[in-house]
Amino acid sequence: MKNLSFRNPLIDLLSENWWMVLIRGGAALIFGLLTWFYPFVSILIMVMFFGVYALIDGVLGVVIAINGRRTHQDWWLMLIWGMVSILAGIMTFFVPGITWLVLITFIAIWSLVSGILQIIAAIRLRKSIHGEGWMIVAGMLSVLVGIILFVNPVQGGIALTWVIGIYAALFGVMNIALAFRLRRFAASGND
């Protein structure tokens, strides 16, 4: 009599499509390496993607406003929103450096504010949880990143692309390794 086993449908799905996991890993590895070795190009591409998004968002906002001008009294708010978005998209293409600087500034502000709030939350939670020190350290790290980005946004932006590149490359290598394990699993007859 054959042993009954409970199969995990996810492993079956992944092992049948191991080659897709391999392609995914390869693409992530290539993206990571390109981002690492060409940080300025990577930054420019991200800024241009933002510009395209802002233009599309703006055009759609203007269309929505125009379509709603007879039935909604606040249609003009959407019109202004759309026009500002179109302007941001156009500025992105003509002055990409400013867009990049604004983006880095927003990341710096977010990092500072979230770090400070995390430190405050950890201090307030110190009587309720154990290990709040890690939360404080993480908050301090976030504050430090925010300060670095404010002090030197160009180098901070390059460092951010490198971090993204390292993450993508490691993610790619892990997926490539997983793909070969899944291939072996599929070849073994899924026993």
Protein backbone atom coordinates (compact mmCIF):
# COMPACT_ATOMS: atom_id res chain seq x y z
CA MET A 1 0.00 0.00 0.00
CA LYS A 2 1.27 3.41 -0.97
CA ASN A 3 2.02 5.95 1.76
CA LEU A 4 -0.44 8.77 1.80
CA SER A 5 1.08 12.19 2.15
CA PHE A 6 -0.35 15.62 2.26
CA ARG A 7 1.06 17.65 -0.62
CA ASN A 8 1.69 21.33 -0.55
CA PRO A 9 0.10 22.77 -3.71
CA LEU A 10 2.52 25.71 -3.66
CA ILE A 11 5.59 23.49 -4.01
CA ASP A 12 3.92 21.70 -6.92
CA LEU A 13 3.15 25.00 -8.63
CA LEU A 14 6.66 26.34 -8.12
CA SER A 15 8.44 23.14 -9.10
CA GLU A 16 6.41 22.86 -12.32
CA ASN A 17 7.42 26.43 -13.17
CA TRP A 18 10.98 26.43 -11.82
CA TRP A 19 12.29 28.04 -15.00
CA MET A 20 10.11 31.12 -14.37
CA VAL A 21 11.66 31.46 -10.93
CA LEU A 22 15.06 31.21 -12.64
CA ILE A 23 14.17 33.98 -15.11
CA ARG A 24 12.82 36.11 -12.27
CA GLY A 25 16.05 35.64 -10.34
CA GLY A 26 18.18 36.40 -13.39
CA ALA A 27 16.22 39.58 -14.10
CA ALA A 28 16.58 40.73 -10.48
CA LEU A 29 20.31 39.98 -10.53
CA ILE A 30 20.81 41.94 -13.76
CA PHE A 31 18.72 44.83 -12.41
CA GLY A 32 20.74 44.84 -9.20
CA LEU A 33 24.08 44.84 -10.98
CA LEU A 34 23.03 47.57 -13.41
CA THR A 35 21.74 49.70 -10.52
CA TRP A 36 24.99 49.17 -8.62
CA PHE A 37 27.33 49.95 -11.52
CA TYR A 38 25.24 52.72 -13.09
CA PRO A 39 23.63 54.60 -10.17
CA PHE A 40 23.17 57.88 -12.05
CA VAL A 41 21.44 56.16 -14.96
CA SER A 42 19.24 54.27 -12.48
CA ILE A 43 18.30 57.49 -10.72
CA LEU A 44 17.54 59.20 -14.02
CA ILE A 45 15.33 56.30 -15.13
CA MET A 46 13.42 56.37 -11.81
CA VAL A 47 12.92 60.12 -12.18
CA MET A 48 11.71 59.69 -15.77
CA PHE A 49 9.25 56.99 -14.68
CA PHE A 50 7.93 59.43 -12.10
CA GLY A 51 7.60 62.07 -14.83
CA VAL A 52 5.60 59.73 -17.06
CA TYR A 53 3.39 58.77 -14.13
CA ALA A 54 2.81 62.41 -13.17
CA LEU A 55 1.86 63.31 -16.76
CA ILE A 56 -0.59 60.41 -17.07
CA ASP A 57 -2.05 61.16 -13.64
CA GLY A 58 -2.44 64.82 -14.54
CA VAL A 59 -4.09 64.21 -17.90
CA LEU A 60 -6.53 61.76 -16.32
CA GLY A 61 -7.26 64.28 -13.53
CA VAL A 62 -8.04 67.01 -16.07
CA VAL A 63 -10.30 64.66 -18.04
CA ILE A 64 -12.16 63.67 -14.87
CA ALA A 65 -12.56 67.35 -13.93
CA ILE A 66 -13.88 68.32 -17.36
CA ASN A 67 -16.28 65.37 -17.41
CA GLY A 68 -17.60 66.31 -13.97
CA ARG A 69 -17.84 70.09 -14.34
CA ARG A 70 -21.62 70.06 -14.94
CA THR A 71 -22.54 67.64 -12.17
CA HIS A 72 -20.02 68.35 -9.40
CA GLN A 73 -19.37 71.77 -7.92
CA ASP A 74 -15.86 70.86 -6.74
CA TRP A 75 -14.68 69.79 -10.21
CA TRP A 76 -12.16 72.62 -10.23
CA LEU A 77 -10.18 70.96 -7.40
CA MET A 78 -9.54 67.96 -9.62
CA LEU A 79 -8.66 70.32 -12.48
CA ILE A 80 -6.03 72.07 -10.34
CA TRP A 81 -4.72 68.71 -9.12
CA GLY A 82 -4.41 67.48 -12.69
CA MET A 83 -2.69 70.66 -13.88
CA VAL A 84 -0.18 70.54 -11.01
CA SER A 85 0.56 66.93 -11.83
CA ILE A 86 1.05 67.74 -15.52
CA LEU A 87 3.38 70.59 -14.55
CA ALA A 88 5.37 68.26 -12.28
CA GLY A 89 5.66 65.73 -15.10
CA ILE A 90 6.86 68.35 -17.58
CA MET A 91 9.36 69.76 -15.07
CA THR A 92 10.68 66.27 -14.49
CA PHE A 93 11.69 66.01 -18.13
CA PHE A 94 13.19 69.49 -18.38
CA VAL A 95 14.84 69.65 -14.95
CA PRO A 96 15.34 66.05 -13.76
CA GLY A 97 17.95 67.06 -11.17
CA ILE A 98 15.44 69.13 -9.23
CA THR A 99 12.94 66.27 -9.29
CA TRP A 100 15.60 63.93 -7.95
CA LEU A 101 16.54 66.40 -5.23
CA VAL A 102 12.90 66.81 -4.20
CA LEU A 103 12.46 63.03 -4.13
CA ILE A 104 15.56 62.59 -1.95
CA THR A 105 14.31 65.40 0.31
CA PHE A 106 10.95 63.65 0.74
CA ILE A 107 12.74 60.40 1.60
CA ALA A 108 14.94 62.30 4.09
CA ILE A 109 11.90 63.90 5.75
CA TRP A 110 10.11 60.56 5.91
CA SER A 111 13.18 58.88 7.38
CA LEU A 112 13.61 61.56 10.05
CA VAL A 113 9.95 61.73 11.05
CA SER A 114 9.41 57.96 11.08
CA GLY A 115 12.63 57.46 13.07
CA ILE A 116 11.66 60.04 15.68
CA LEU A 117 8.17 58.57 15.99
CA GLN A 118 9.61 55.08 16.32
CA ILE A 119 11.90 56.23 19.14
CA ILE A 120 8.99 57.92 20.92
CA ALA A 121 6.83 54.82 20.52
CA ALA A 122 9.60 52.60 21.90
CA ILE A 123 10.05 54.82 24.93
CA ARG A 124 6.31 54.81 25.60
CA LEU A 125 6.14 51.04 25.17
CA ARG A 126 9.13 50.26 27.38
CA LYS A 127 6.94 49.12 30.28
CA SER A 128 4.73 46.98 28.05
CA ILE A 129 7.23 45.19 25.80
CA HIS A 130 10.68 43.70 26.07
CA GLY A 131 13.33 44.47 23.51
CA GLU A 132 12.28 48.06 22.94
CA GLY A 133 15.96 48.87 22.63
CA TRP A 134 15.93 47.34 19.13
CA MET A 135 13.07 49.62 18.19
CA ILE A 136 15.05 52.61 19.48
CA VAL A 137 18.14 51.53 17.52
CA ALA A 138 16.04 51.15 14.36
CA GLY A 139 14.56 54.61 14.94
CA MET A 140 18.02 56.09 15.47
CA LEU A 141 19.22 54.44 12.26
CA SER A 142 16.28 55.97 10.39
CA VAL A 143 17.08 59.42 11.86
CA LEU A 144 20.73 58.98 10.84
CA VAL A 145 19.74 58.11 7.26
CA GLY A 146 17.50 61.19 7.15
CA ILE A 147 20.33 63.43 8.36
CA ILE A 148 22.77 61.97 5.84
CA LEU A 149 20.29 62.55 3.02
CA PHE A 150 19.78 66.17 4.11
CA VAL A 151 23.50 66.88 4.50
CA ASN A 152 24.54 65.30 1.21
CA PRO A 153 21.56 64.45 -1.01
CA VAL A 154 23.62 63.50 -4.06
CA GLN A 155 25.74 60.94 -2.25
CA GLY A 156 22.69 59.82 -0.27
CA GLY A 157 20.76 59.24 -3.49
CA ILE A 158 23.61 57.21 -4.94
CA ALA A 159 23.79 55.20 -1.72
CA LEU A 160 20.04 54.52 -1.95
CA THR A 161 20.45 53.15 -5.46
CA TRP A 162 23.31 50.97 -4.27
CA VAL A 163 21.15 49.59 -1.46
CA ILE A 164 18.39 48.84 -3.98
CA GLY A 165 21.00 47.24 -6.25
CA ILE A 166 22.38 45.04 -3.47
CA TYR A 167 18.88 43.98 -2.46
CA ALA A 168 17.91 43.16 -6.05
CA ALA A 169 21.13 41.22 -6.69
CA LEU A 170 20.75 39.17 -3.49
CA PHE A 171 17.07 38.57 -4.27
CA GLY A 172 18.11 37.40 -7.74
CA VAL A 173 20.78 35.01 -6.44
CA MET A 174 18.33 33.53 -3.91
CA ASN A 175 15.71 32.99 -6.62
CA ILE A 176 18.25 31.39 -8.94
CA ALA A 177 19.27 28.98 -6.16
CA LEU A 178 15.61 28.28 -5.42
CA ALA A 179 14.91 27.60 -9.10
CA PHE A 180 17.59 24.91 -9.24
CA ARG A 181 16.26 23.28 -6.07
CA LEU A 182 12.75 23.35 -7.53
CA ARG A 183 14.08 21.81 -10.74
CA ARG A 184 15.67 18.96 -8.76
CA PHE A 185 12.41 18.51 -6.87
CA ALA A 186 10.44 18.36 -10.13
CA ALA A 187 12.96 15.92 -11.69
CA SER A 188 12.77 13.60 -8.68
CA GLY A 189 9.16 12.88 -9.48
CA ASN A 190 7.80 15.08 -6.72
CA ASP A 191 8.17 12.33 -4.16
